[in-house]
Amino acid sequence: MENAKILWVDDEIELLKPHLKFLELKGYAVHTSTNGFDALESVKSEPFDVVFLDENMPGMSGLEVLAEIKQIQAHLPVVMITKSEEEHIMEEAIGSKIADYLIKPVNPSQILLSLKKTLQNKQLVNQKVNTDYQQDFRKIGMQFFEANDHKSWTEIYRKLVHWEKQMDDNPGEHMTEVLQSQIAEANQNFSRFVIANYVDWLHEKDPDQRPLLSPEVMEVSAFDDLKKGEYESVFFILVDCMRYDQWKELEPLVAEYFTIAQERSYFSILPTATQYCRNAIFAGMYPNEIAKRFPRLWKDDNDEGGKNLFEEDLMRENIARHKLNLKTSYHKILNNDDGFALSDNYKNLLKNDFNAIVYNFIDMLSHSRTEVSIIRELAPTPGAYRRVSRSWFEHSPLLDLLRKLAQHKVKVVITTDHGTVHVNRPFKIVGDRETTTNLRYKQGRNLSFQPDKSLLVIRNPEEAKLPAMTLSSSYVFASEDYFFAYPNNYNHYVRYFKDTFQHGGISMHEMIVPLVELVPKKV
């Protein structure tokens, strides 16, 4: 930041003339004060970009001056310079949100580095992010054509999420459009990969030859530890509709209290819709198996009533099938009052071997964004959608519960049933009145559409381990950023649902979802 205006406050300013001259030669305008009183008058009357502040001065100490400066201009960067290495001075200065802390004697290079960190940090980081992504861009693009298994696609998706977060955290002139274009291309190639392999995965016995899938999630993340009995209690927390990039937004808050013992991804089954995925997780079965073995616990798309009303029953059946004798609880949290009531009751939860908790906020956010204009204004882009998710989590009963659990010898699993994708392209489809209404998949008897490589068509639901409403039912899944639209009232339908977050189909965001195992840091 050339021509930046510096105020240097030091009672021995005459001894610093070589430093002042050095900075002037570098293009900085340096003003000086020899005491705190004059410095405060200068800050009140003139704009400065940064203050260098000696700690040990007669009259007012540097810490006293710092406190006054923060009241005059809270965001004015202050670099504390002191001979003292006393810990309490450092702590007090850092607690007052100083920009940097230097120990005398300082040399010109230290001063220059501190200035660049303070005044040019964002610019330098942005340049670095751009440069590093440009270098990685070609490598990622090559991976699209080399990726031939689920592990490769998981790695690609994680890399793309990493670059999205880097650009979120360092706003500025970025290659954002290039990145979004690369994500779209990745989704196209990923969708083709899934369309070619999905049915085979469902029948593959070797777990190394396919991704981990929804029915296996509870067993691999919780049941093994329950058998060992190493923990006071195991908490299985499912945040409905949470994308992997949303988890990465929440992760730093969780990491304050927990060590991430294992972070992996699993692939959500199709349809990537709560009725199918979440029931499969709790039952440890595919949807068609649930419908056959427990018909009273399964609701088809067009059946009246909620489709996830029997998760606790399915969970208990799953636990019994694994020959686990456990004291369990199941909770579904639909609002903050219920969430904080559960958090307040956490000591009773610790008496259980296994606690399953479903939090519905992010799913409600995705639906509200479609239906409520103010929510769309708050989260107009995927980046804003991530930040709204973080804002919720920071003040949520879920984080409140996690803080309390971190004081005990527990294991916590955090996962989801599926993610969402930002849809923008309509695809025409025709079906009768019994056809399901989801925008990313359709189940029905007489589905009519133009054949397209972007669709996965399942004529025989049994081969995809799905139930059929009728003998002639078939499923069609949209991929990439497509959504299904009926020809009737087409333009209105498209305007209403374009630029919304939907789930049910095939995309990295819907299918590659987090499965995270946590242990407390302090226990």
Protein backbone atom coordinates (compact mmCIF):
# COMPACT_ATOMS: atom_id res chain seq x y z
CA MET A 1 0.00 0.00 0.00
CA GLU A 2 2.08 2.90 -1.30
CA ASN A 3 1.74 6.39 0.19
CA ALA A 4 0.29 4.95 3.41
CA LYS A 5 0.26 7.40 6.28
CA ILE A 6 2.02 6.20 9.45
CA LEU A 7 1.97 7.66 12.95
CA TRP A 8 5.03 6.54 14.95
CA VAL A 9 4.76 7.19 18.70
CA ASP A 10 7.96 6.85 20.74
CA ASP A 11 9.55 9.04 23.43
CA GLU A 12 12.96 8.30 21.86
CA ILE A 13 11.91 9.13 18.30
CA GLU A 14 15.28 10.79 17.53
CA LEU A 15 16.97 7.42 17.77
CA LEU A 16 14.64 6.06 15.09
CA LYS A 17 15.57 8.49 12.31
CA PRO A 18 17.25 5.79 10.17
CA HIS A 19 14.00 3.78 10.29
CA LEU A 20 11.92 6.82 9.41
CA LYS A 21 14.17 7.64 6.47
CA PHE A 22 13.99 4.02 5.26
CA LEU A 23 10.19 4.12 5.27
CA GLU A 24 10.10 7.46 3.47
CA LEU A 25 12.33 6.03 0.76
CA LYS A 26 9.82 3.16 0.44
CA GLY A 27 7.07 5.71 -0.25
CA TYR A 28 5.43 5.92 3.19
CA ALA A 29 4.48 9.22 4.81
CA VAL A 30 5.64 9.10 8.44
CA HIS A 31 4.39 11.42 11.20
CA THR A 32 5.82 11.27 14.71
CA SER A 33 4.80 11.90 18.31
CA THR A 34 6.94 11.65 21.44
CA ASN A 35 4.12 11.02 23.91
CA GLY A 36 0.67 9.50 24.15
CA PHE A 37 -1.22 12.78 24.63
CA ASP A 38 0.07 14.29 21.37
CA ALA A 39 -0.50 10.98 19.58
CA LEU A 40 -4.17 10.94 20.59
CA GLU A 41 -4.65 14.51 19.37
CA SER A 42 -3.09 13.50 16.04
CA VAL A 43 -5.40 10.49 15.73
CA LYS A 44 -8.41 12.72 16.42
CA SER A 45 -7.43 15.33 13.84
CA GLU A 46 -5.80 13.36 11.00
CA PRO A 47 -6.45 10.10 9.18
CA PHE A 48 -3.73 7.45 9.54
CA ASP A 49 -3.41 4.00 7.99
CA VAL A 50 -1.37 2.50 10.84
CA VAL A 51 0.14 3.47 14.21
CA PHE A 52 3.48 2.22 15.54
CA LEU A 53 3.23 2.54 19.31
CA ASP A 54 5.99 2.26 21.92
CA GLU A 55 4.75 0.58 25.10
CA ASN A 56 7.09 2.15 27.67
CA MET A 57 6.63 5.94 27.62
CA PRO A 58 6.39 8.55 30.39
CA GLY A 59 2.95 10.02 31.09
CA MET A 60 0.70 7.51 29.32
CA SER A 61 1.85 3.96 28.72
CA GLY A 62 1.47 2.39 25.32
CA LEU A 63 -1.35 0.14 26.59
CA GLU A 64 -3.23 3.20 27.87
CA VAL A 65 -2.78 4.97 24.54
CA LEU A 66 -3.88 1.83 22.73
CA ALA A 67 -7.13 1.70 24.72
CA GLU A 68 -7.86 5.36 23.87
CA ILE A 69 -7.07 4.86 20.18
CA LYS A 70 -9.49 1.93 19.99
CA GLN A 71 -12.23 4.16 21.38
CA ILE A 72 -11.49 6.90 18.82
CA GLN A 73 -11.01 4.61 15.80
CA ALA A 74 -11.76 0.99 16.60
CA HIS A 75 -10.43 -0.34 13.29
CA LEU A 76 -7.20 1.68 13.07
CA PRO A 77 -4.35 -0.89 13.00
CA VAL A 78 -1.86 -0.50 15.86
CA VAL A 79 1.53 -2.21 15.96
CA MET A 80 2.89 -2.39 19.53
CA ILE A 81 6.68 -2.02 19.89
CA THR A 82 8.30 -2.69 23.26
CA LYS A 83 11.52 -3.68 25.01
CA SER A 84 9.52 -5.78 27.44
CA GLU A 85 8.91 -9.46 26.89
CA GLU A 86 6.60 -9.76 29.87
CA GLU A 87 3.77 -12.14 29.07
CA HIS A 88 1.00 -10.08 30.64
CA ILE A 89 1.83 -7.09 28.41
CA MET A 90 1.70 -9.28 25.30
CA GLU A 91 -1.60 -10.79 26.41
CA GLU A 92 -3.16 -7.41 27.16
CA ALA A 93 -2.00 -6.00 23.82
CA ILE A 94 -3.25 -9.00 21.87
CA GLY A 95 -6.53 -8.87 23.78
CA SER A 96 -6.91 -5.28 22.60
CA LYS A 97 -6.75 -6.52 19.02
CA ILE A 98 -3.40 -5.10 17.96
CA ALA A 99 -2.29 -5.71 14.39
CA ASP A 100 1.22 -6.88 15.34
CA TYR A 101 3.68 -7.05 18.25
CA LEU A 102 7.41 -6.28 17.82
CA ILE A 103 10.26 -6.55 20.35
CA LYS A 104 12.99 -3.85 20.39
CA PRO A 105 15.48 -3.46 18.89
CA VAL A 106 13.67 -3.64 15.55
CA ASN A 107 15.34 -3.53 12.16
CA PRO A 108 13.97 -1.99 8.94
CA SER A 109 13.06 -5.36 7.45
CA GLN A 110 10.89 -6.19 10.47
CA ILE A 111 9.12 -2.86 10.18
CA LEU A 112 8.52 -3.32 6.45
CA LEU A 113 7.22 -6.86 6.93
CA SER A 114 4.86 -5.68 9.67
CA LEU A 115 3.53 -2.94 7.40
CA LYS A 116 2.91 -5.36 4.56
CA LYS A 117 1.16 -7.81 6.90
CA THR A 118 -0.99 -5.03 8.29
CA LEU A 119 -1.77 -2.99 5.20
CA GLN A 120 -1.41 -5.37 2.28
CA ASN A 121 -2.35 -8.70 3.81
CA LYS A 122 -5.61 -9.13 1.89
CA GLN A 123 -4.09 -8.00 -1.39
CA LEU A 124 -1.10 -10.32 -1.02
CA VAL A 125 -3.27 -13.27 0.03
CA ASN A 126 -5.64 -12.66 -2.87
CA GLN A 127 -2.74 -12.61 -5.30
CA LYS A 128 -1.43 -15.85 -3.79
CA VAL A 129 -4.86 -17.53 -3.99
CA ASN A 130 -5.19 -16.53 -7.65
CA THR A 131 -1.70 -17.73 -8.50
CA ASP A 132 -2.06 -21.05 -6.67
CA TYR A 133 -5.47 -21.78 -8.22
CA GLN A 134 -4.14 -20.99 -11.70
CA GLN A 135 -1.39 -23.55 -11.11
CA ASP A 136 -3.90 -26.13 -9.83
CA PHE A 137 -6.51 -25.40 -12.51
CA ARG A 138 -4.82 -27.48 -15.20
CA LYS A 139 -4.09 -30.37 -12.82
CA ILE A 140 -7.72 -30.55 -11.72
CA GLY A 141 -8.92 -30.39 -15.34
CA MET A 142 -6.67 -33.32 -16.24
CA GLN A 143 -8.10 -35.31 -13.32
CA PHE A 144 -11.59 -35.13 -14.90
CA PHE A 145 -10.42 -37.41 -17.69
CA GLU A 146 -8.26 -39.65 -15.51
CA ALA A 147 -10.81 -40.17 -12.72
CA ASN A 148 -12.17 -43.71 -12.98
CA ASP A 149 -13.29 -44.45 -9.43
CA HIS A 150 -15.19 -42.86 -6.55
CA LYS A 151 -12.00 -42.01 -4.64
CA SER A 152 -10.73 -39.85 -7.50
CA TRP A 153 -14.02 -37.96 -7.71
CA THR A 154 -14.08 -37.41 -3.96
CA GLU A 155 -10.57 -35.94 -4.18
CA ILE A 156 -11.59 -33.66 -7.08
CA TYR A 157 -14.65 -32.43 -5.22
CA ARG A 158 -12.64 -31.72 -2.08
CA LYS A 159 -10.11 -29.71 -4.09
CA LEU A 160 -12.83 -27.63 -5.71
CA VAL A 161 -14.47 -26.98 -2.32
CA HIS A 162 -11.07 -25.95 -0.98
CA TRP A 163 -10.68 -23.32 -3.72
CA GLU A 164 -14.24 -22.09 -3.21
CA LYS A 165 -13.53 -21.57 0.48
CA GLN A 166 -10.20 -19.86 -0.25
CA MET A 167 -11.98 -17.37 -2.49
CA ASP A 168 -14.79 -16.92 0.06
CA ASP A 169 -12.31 -16.18 2.84
CA ASN A 170 -10.28 -13.75 0.75
CA PRO A 171 -12.73 -11.65 -1.25
CA GLY A 172 -11.27 -9.61 -4.08
CA GLU A 173 -10.36 -9.93 -7.72
CA HIS A 174 -10.40 -13.68 -8.18
CA MET A 175 -10.80 -16.24 -10.88
CA THR A 176 -14.24 -16.96 -9.42
CA GLU A 177 -15.96 -17.31 -12.78
CA VAL A 178 -13.24 -19.69 -13.96
CA LEU A 179 -13.66 -21.78 -10.81
CA GLN A 180 -17.46 -21.92 -11.16
CA SER A 181 -17.04 -22.99 -14.77
CA GLN A 182 -14.64 -25.73 -13.69
CA ILE A 183 -17.08 -26.90 -11.00
CA ALA A 184 -19.83 -27.12 -13.66
CA GLU A 185 -17.52 -29.16 -15.90
CA ALA A 186 -16.62 -31.41 -12.98
CA ASN A 187 -20.29 -31.98 -12.20
CA GLN A 188 -20.95 -32.91 -15.82
CA ASN A 189 -18.16 -35.51 -15.82
CA PHE A 190 -19.08 -36.77 -12.34
CA SER A 191 -22.70 -37.23 -13.39
CA ARG A 192 -21.67 -39.32 -16.38
CA PHE A 193 -19.48 -41.41 -14.09
CA VAL A 194 -22.38 -42.02 -11.67
CA ILE A 195 -24.85 -42.79 -14.47
CA ALA A 196 -22.45 -45.42 -15.82
CA ASN A 197 -21.69 -47.06 -12.47
CA TYR A 198 -24.46 -46.45 -9.92
CA VAL A 199 -26.49 -49.65 -10.36
CA ASP A 200 -23.31 -51.76 -10.33
CA TRP A 201 -22.28 -50.24 -6.98
CA LEU A 202 -25.51 -51.39 -5.38
CA HIS A 203 -24.71 -55.02 -6.24
CA GLU A 204 -20.94 -54.93 -5.68
CA LYS A 205 -19.95 -57.02 -2.64
CA ASP A 206 -16.35 -55.76 -2.44
CA PRO A 207 -16.43 -52.44 -0.51
CA ASP A 208 -13.12 -51.37 -2.08
CA GLN A 209 -14.71 -51.39 -5.53
CA ARG A 210 -17.44 -48.90 -4.72
CA PRO A 211 -18.07 -45.95 -2.41
CA LEU A 212 -19.45 -46.23 1.09
CA LEU A 213 -23.24 -45.86 0.71
CA SER A 214 -26.07 -44.60 2.92
CA PRO A 215 -27.19 -47.94 4.48
CA GLU A 216 -23.67 -48.57 5.80
CA VAL A 217 -23.10 -45.20 7.49
CA MET A 218 -24.35 -45.97 10.98
CA GLU A 219 -22.61 -49.32 11.16
CA VAL A 220 -19.14 -48.10 10.12
CA SER A 221 -19.18 -44.86 12.11
CA ALA A 222 -20.88 -45.90 15.36
CA PHE A 223 -21.62 -49.59 15.83
CA ASP A 224 -18.00 -50.78 15.99
CA ASP A 225 -17.25 -48.35 18.81
CA LEU A 226 -20.44 -49.31 20.62
CA LYS A 227 -19.28 -52.92 20.57
CA LYS A 228 -15.92 -51.94 22.08
CA GLY A 229 -17.55 -49.85 24.81
CA GLU A 230 -14.70 -47.32 24.92
CA TYR A 231 -16.91 -44.26 25.33
CA GLU A 232 -19.34 -42.99 27.94
CA SER A 233 -21.82 -42.49 25.12
CA VAL A 234 -21.90 -42.26 21.30
CA PHE A 235 -23.81 -39.39 19.68
CA PHE A 236 -24.89 -39.80 16.06
CA ILE A 237 -25.80 -36.30 14.83
CA LEU A 238 -27.37 -35.95 11.41
CA VAL A 239 -27.68 -32.41 10.01
CA ASP A 240 -30.29 -32.77 7.29
CA CYS A 241 -29.31 -31.55 3.81
CA MET A 242 -25.74 -30.49 4.71
CA ARG A 243 -23.32 -30.22 1.81
CA TYR A 244 -19.62 -30.99 2.21
CA ASP A 245 -18.75 -27.31 1.67
CA GLN A 246 -21.16 -26.34 4.44
CA TRP A 247 -19.45 -28.80 6.78
CA LYS A 248 -16.07 -27.18 5.97
CA GLU A 249 -17.62 -23.85 6.99
CA LEU A 250 -18.70 -25.32 10.36
CA GLU A 251 -15.55 -27.33 10.96
CA PRO A 252 -13.39 -24.57 12.55
CA LEU A 253 -16.08 -23.97 15.19
CA VAL A 254 -16.28 -27.68 16.01
CA ALA A 255 -12.46 -27.99 16.06
CA GLU A 256 -12.26 -25.62 19.04
CA TYR A 257 -13.68 -28.41 21.20
CA PHE A 258 -13.09 -31.68 19.34
CA THR A 259 -10.29 -33.49 17.59
CA ILE A 260 -11.33 -34.84 14.21
CA ALA A 261 -10.52 -38.52 14.59
CA GLN A 262 -11.61 -39.28 11.04
CA GLU A 263 -13.11 -37.23 8.23
CA ARG A 264 -14.32 -39.07 5.16
CA SER A 265 -17.06 -38.85 2.61
CA TYR A 266 -19.74 -41.30 1.66
CA PHE A 267 -22.04 -41.35 -1.37
CA SER A 268 -25.71 -40.68 -0.77
CA ILE A 269 -27.99 -43.17 -2.53
CA LEU A 270 -30.50 -42.11 -5.19
CA PRO A 271 -32.84 -40.38 -4.96
CA THR A 272 -30.81 -37.92 -2.88
CA ALA A 273 -33.99 -37.06 -0.99
CA THR A 274 -34.65 -37.33 2.73
CA GLN A 275 -37.33 -40.02 2.46
CA TYR A 276 -34.92 -42.42 0.78
CA CYS A 277 -31.51 -41.49 2.16
CA ARG A 278 -32.31 -40.91 5.80
CA ASN A 279 -34.54 -43.96 6.14
CA ALA A 280 -31.72 -46.00 4.55
CA ILE A 281 -29.21 -44.64 7.09
CA PHE A 282 -31.32 -45.44 10.14
CA ALA A 283 -32.54 -48.78 8.84
CA GLY A 284 -29.18 -49.91 7.49
CA MET A 285 -31.13 -51.07 4.42
CA TYR A 286 -31.96 -49.93 0.92
CA PRO A 287 -35.43 -48.47 0.35
CA ASN A 288 -36.86 -51.53 -1.40
CA GLU A 289 -35.71 -53.75 1.47
CA ILE A 290 -37.40 -51.45 4.02
CA ALA A 291 -40.62 -51.46 2.00
CA LYS A 292 -40.61 -55.28 1.83
CA ARG A 293 -39.57 -56.10 5.39
CA PHE A 294 -41.33 -53.27 7.21
CA PRO A 295 -44.20 -52.13 5.01
CA ARG A 296 -45.87 -50.24 7.85
CA LEU A 297 -42.67 -48.17 8.27
CA TRP A 298 -42.34 -47.16 4.62
CA LYS A 299 -44.30 -44.41 2.86
CA ASP A 300 -44.24 -44.08 -0.92
CA ASP A 301 -43.85 -40.65 -2.49
CA ASN A 302 -47.56 -40.17 -3.00
CA ASP A 303 -48.72 -41.61 0.32
CA GLU A 304 -50.24 -39.10 2.70
CA GLY A 305 -48.34 -38.01 5.79
CA GLY A 306 -44.68 -37.57 6.65
CA LYS A 307 -42.16 -39.85 4.98
CA ASN A 308 -39.67 -39.94 7.88
CA LEU A 309 -41.93 -40.65 10.83
CA PHE A 310 -40.47 -44.05 11.66
CA GLU A 311 -36.74 -43.42 11.86
CA GLU A 312 -36.58 -44.37 15.53
CA ASP A 313 -38.31 -47.69 14.82
CA LEU A 314 -35.97 -48.38 11.91
CA MET A 315 -32.94 -47.49 14.05
CA ARG A 316 -33.98 -49.90 16.81
CA GLU A 317 -34.51 -52.67 14.25
CA ASN A 318 -31.04 -51.94 12.84
CA ILE A 319 -29.43 -52.08 16.29
CA ALA A 320 -31.19 -55.33 17.13
CA ARG A 321 -30.11 -56.86 13.82
CA HIS A 322 -26.50 -56.12 14.78
CA LYS A 323 -27.06 -57.88 18.13
CA LEU A 324 -26.33 -54.76 20.15
CA ASN A 325 -27.96 -54.49 23.56
CA LEU A 326 -28.06 -50.71 23.98
CA LYS A 327 -29.89 -48.03 25.87
CA THR A 328 -30.76 -45.54 23.12
CA SER A 329 -32.56 -42.30 22.38
CA TYR A 330 -33.75 -40.61 19.20
CA HIS A 331 -34.54 -36.89 18.81
CA LYS A 332 -35.63 -34.79 15.85
CA ILE A 333 -34.99 -31.07 16.32
CA LEU A 334 -37.24 -28.79 14.29
CA ASN A 335 -36.72 -25.49 16.14
CA ASN A 336 -34.34 -23.74 18.55
CA ASP A 337 -36.56 -24.18 21.61
CA ASP A 338 -36.52 -27.96 21.21
CA GLY A 339 -32.79 -27.85 20.51
CA PHE A 340 -31.90 -25.89 23.64
CA ALA A 341 -34.23 -28.04 25.74
CA LEU A 342 -32.30 -31.09 24.53
CA SER A 343 -28.97 -29.38 25.24
CA ASP A 344 -30.11 -28.51 28.77
CA ASN A 345 -30.96 -32.18 29.25
CA TYR A 346 -27.58 -33.45 28.00
CA LYS A 347 -26.64 -35.15 31.31
CA ASN A 348 -29.57 -37.53 30.89
CA LEU A 349 -28.41 -38.24 27.33
CA LEU A 350 -25.05 -39.32 28.72
CA LYS A 351 -26.83 -42.16 30.52
CA ASN A 352 -27.61 -43.72 27.11
CA ASP A 353 -25.16 -45.83 25.14
CA PHE A 354 -26.29 -44.32 21.85
CA ASN A 355 -28.10 -41.08 21.02
CA ALA A 356 -29.30 -40.21 17.52
CA ILE A 357 -30.21 -36.58 16.86
CA VAL A 358 -31.52 -35.06 13.61
CA TYR A 359 -31.25 -31.29 13.07
CA ASN A 360 -33.45 -29.92 10.32
CA PHE A 361 -32.29 -26.31 9.99
CA ILE A 362 -30.26 -26.49 6.77
CA ASP A 363 -33.05 -28.41 5.02
CA MET A 364 -35.53 -25.74 6.13
CA LEU A 365 -33.11 -23.06 4.90
CA SER A 366 -32.96 -24.59 1.41
CA HIS A 367 -36.77 -24.77 1.20
CA SER A 368 -37.20 -21.27 2.63
CA ARG A 369 -34.76 -19.86 0.10
CA THR A 370 -37.08 -21.09 -2.65
CA GLU A 371 -40.27 -19.82 -1.06
CA VAL A 372 -39.25 -16.66 0.85
CA SER A 373 -37.70 -13.79 -1.11
CA ILE A 374 -35.85 -12.31 1.88
CA ILE A 375 -33.99 -15.61 2.42
CA ARG A 376 -32.95 -15.61 -1.23
CA GLU A 377 -31.64 -12.07 -0.73
CA LEU A 378 -29.63 -13.20 2.31
CA ALA A 379 -28.16 -16.18 0.46
CA PRO A 380 -28.02 -15.22 -3.24
CA THR A 381 -24.97 -17.39 -4.06
CA PRO A 382 -23.50 -20.71 -2.89
CA GLY A 383 -20.89 -18.74 -0.93
CA ALA A 384 -23.55 -16.74 0.89
CA TYR A 385 -25.51 -19.97 1.46
CA ARG A 386 -22.45 -21.40 3.21
CA ARG A 387 -22.03 -18.30 5.37
CA VAL A 388 -25.70 -18.30 6.43
CA SER A 389 -25.25 -21.93 7.47
CA ARG A 390 -22.24 -20.94 9.58
CA SER A 391 -24.15 -18.03 11.14
CA TRP A 392 -26.93 -20.42 12.18
CA PHE A 393 -24.45 -22.91 13.63
CA GLU A 394 -22.58 -20.28 15.68
CA HIS A 395 -25.75 -19.50 17.63
CA SER A 396 -27.40 -22.91 17.42
CA PRO A 397 -28.42 -25.37 20.13
CA LEU A 398 -26.29 -27.91 18.28
CA LEU A 399 -23.05 -26.02 19.00
CA ASP A 400 -24.28 -25.47 22.56
CA LEU A 401 -24.71 -29.23 22.95
CA LEU A 402 -21.30 -29.95 21.41
CA ARG A 403 -19.58 -27.60 23.87
CA LYS A 404 -21.13 -29.51 26.76
CA LEU A 405 -20.36 -32.93 25.32
CA ALA A 406 -16.72 -31.92 24.85
CA GLN A 407 -16.31 -32.12 28.64
CA HIS A 408 -17.05 -35.87 28.64
CA LYS A 409 -15.56 -39.04 27.24
CA VAL A 410 -17.93 -39.36 24.30
CA LYS A 411 -17.66 -40.01 20.61
CA VAL A 412 -19.60 -37.76 18.26
CA VAL A 413 -20.45 -38.58 14.66
CA ILE A 414 -21.57 -35.69 12.46
CA THR A 415 -23.02 -36.48 9.07
CA THR A 416 -25.96 -35.80 6.77
CA ASP A 417 -28.36 -37.66 4.50
CA HIS A 418 -27.67 -35.71 1.28
CA GLY A 419 -26.66 -32.29 0.01
CA THR A 420 -28.22 -29.82 -2.42
CA VAL A 421 -27.30 -28.40 -5.81
CA HIS A 422 -27.84 -24.89 -7.18
CA VAL A 423 -30.17 -25.47 -10.16
CA ASN A 424 -30.44 -23.18 -13.18
CA ARG A 425 -31.40 -25.22 -16.27
CA PRO A 426 -34.93 -26.57 -16.80
CA PHE A 427 -35.58 -29.93 -18.46
CA LYS A 428 -39.05 -30.68 -19.84
CA ILE A 429 -40.78 -33.82 -18.66
CA VAL A 430 -44.37 -35.03 -18.86
CA GLY A 431 -46.08 -37.36 -16.41
CA ASP A 432 -49.55 -38.28 -15.23
CA ARG A 433 -51.12 -37.01 -12.02
CA GLU A 434 -49.52 -39.82 -10.01
CA THR A 435 -46.00 -38.68 -10.95
CA THR A 436 -43.91 -37.46 -8.02
CA THR A 437 -43.35 -33.72 -7.64
CA ASN A 438 -39.64 -33.57 -6.79
CA LEU A 439 -37.66 -31.33 -9.16
CA ARG A 440 -34.57 -33.54 -9.38
CA TYR A 441 -36.16 -36.95 -9.82
CA LYS A 442 -39.47 -38.33 -11.01
CA GLN A 443 -41.19 -41.63 -10.27
CA GLY A 444 -44.22 -42.55 -12.35
CA ARG A 445 -45.83 -44.86 -14.90
CA ASN A 446 -45.96 -42.74 -18.03
CA LEU A 447 -42.95 -40.46 -17.98
CA SER A 448 -42.28 -38.75 -21.30
CA PHE A 449 -39.08 -36.82 -22.07
CA GLN A 450 -36.41 -36.39 -24.71
CA PRO A 451 -33.57 -38.91 -24.22
CA ASP A 452 -30.48 -37.15 -22.89
CA LYS A 453 -27.04 -38.16 -21.59
CA SER A 454 -27.62 -36.06 -18.50
CA LEU A 455 -30.42 -38.36 -17.29
CA LEU A 456 -30.25 -41.62 -15.38
CA VAL A 457 -33.31 -43.68 -16.29
CA ILE A 458 -34.23 -46.68 -14.12
CA ARG A 459 -36.88 -48.80 -15.85
CA ASN A 460 -36.68 -51.56 -13.27
CA PRO A 461 -36.68 -50.00 -9.76
CA GLU A 462 -35.69 -53.30 -8.17
CA GLU A 463 -32.25 -53.20 -9.84
CA ALA A 464 -31.65 -49.79 -8.20
CA LYS A 465 -32.98 -51.16 -4.87
CA LEU A 466 -35.96 -48.82 -5.01
CA PRO A 467 -39.63 -49.54 -4.33
CA ALA A 468 -42.16 -49.04 -7.12
CA MET A 469 -45.58 -47.47 -6.61
CA THR A 470 -46.95 -49.65 -9.44
CA LEU A 471 -45.72 -52.55 -11.57
CA SER A 472 -44.90 -50.17 -14.43
CA SER A 473 -43.21 -47.43 -12.38
CA SER A 474 -39.85 -46.08 -13.45
CA TYR A 475 -37.47 -43.44 -12.07
CA VAL A 476 -35.71 -40.61 -13.90
CA PHE A 477 -32.92 -38.62 -12.25
CA ALA A 478 -31.68 -35.18 -13.31
CA SER A 479 -27.97 -34.39 -13.06
CA GLU A 480 -25.64 -31.36 -13.08
CA ASP A 481 -27.74 -28.21 -12.51
CA TYR A 482 -30.92 -29.34 -14.34
CA PHE A 483 -34.36 -29.38 -12.79
CA PHE A 484 -37.52 -30.97 -14.17
CA ALA A 485 -40.29 -28.66 -15.39
CA TYR A 486 -43.71 -29.53 -16.78
CA PRO A 487 -44.78 -27.99 -20.11
CA ASN A 488 -47.96 -26.64 -18.50
CA ASN A 489 -47.34 -23.12 -17.22
CA TYR A 490 -43.69 -23.72 -18.11
CA ASN A 491 -42.35 -20.15 -17.93
CA HIS A 492 -43.87 -19.44 -14.52
CA TYR A 493 -42.54 -22.76 -13.19
CA VAL A 494 -39.04 -22.07 -14.50
CA ARG A 495 -38.90 -18.53 -13.10
CA TYR A 496 -40.01 -19.76 -9.68
CA PHE A 497 -37.51 -22.61 -9.32
CA LYS A 498 -34.49 -21.36 -11.28
CA ASP A 499 -31.62 -20.26 -9.03
CA THR A 500 -32.79 -22.39 -6.08
CA PHE A 501 -31.13 -25.19 -4.11
CA GLN A 502 -32.69 -28.59 -4.76
CA HIS A 503 -31.93 -32.22 -4.04
CA GLY A 504 -32.95 -35.63 -5.30
CA GLY A 505 -30.65 -36.01 -8.30
CA ILE A 506 -27.05 -36.55 -9.30
CA SER A 507 -24.30 -34.06 -8.54
CA MET A 508 -21.16 -33.91 -6.43
CA HIS A 509 -22.92 -31.54 -4.03
CA GLU A 510 -25.87 -33.89 -3.46
CA MET A 511 -24.03 -37.21 -3.40
CA ILE A 512 -20.52 -36.72 -1.93
CA VAL A 513 -21.33 -35.84 1.66
CA PRO A 514 -19.38 -35.68 4.95
CA LEU A 515 -19.04 -38.38 7.58
CA VAL A 516 -16.99 -37.04 10.48
CA GLU A 517 -15.96 -38.75 13.72
CA LEU A 518 -15.00 -36.54 16.68
CA VAL A 519 -13.46 -37.03 20.12
CA PRO A 520 -13.19 -34.26 22.75
CA LYS A 521 -9.88 -32.42 23.08
CA LYS A 522 -9.88 -32.02 26.86
CA VAL A 523 -10.87 -35.49 28.02
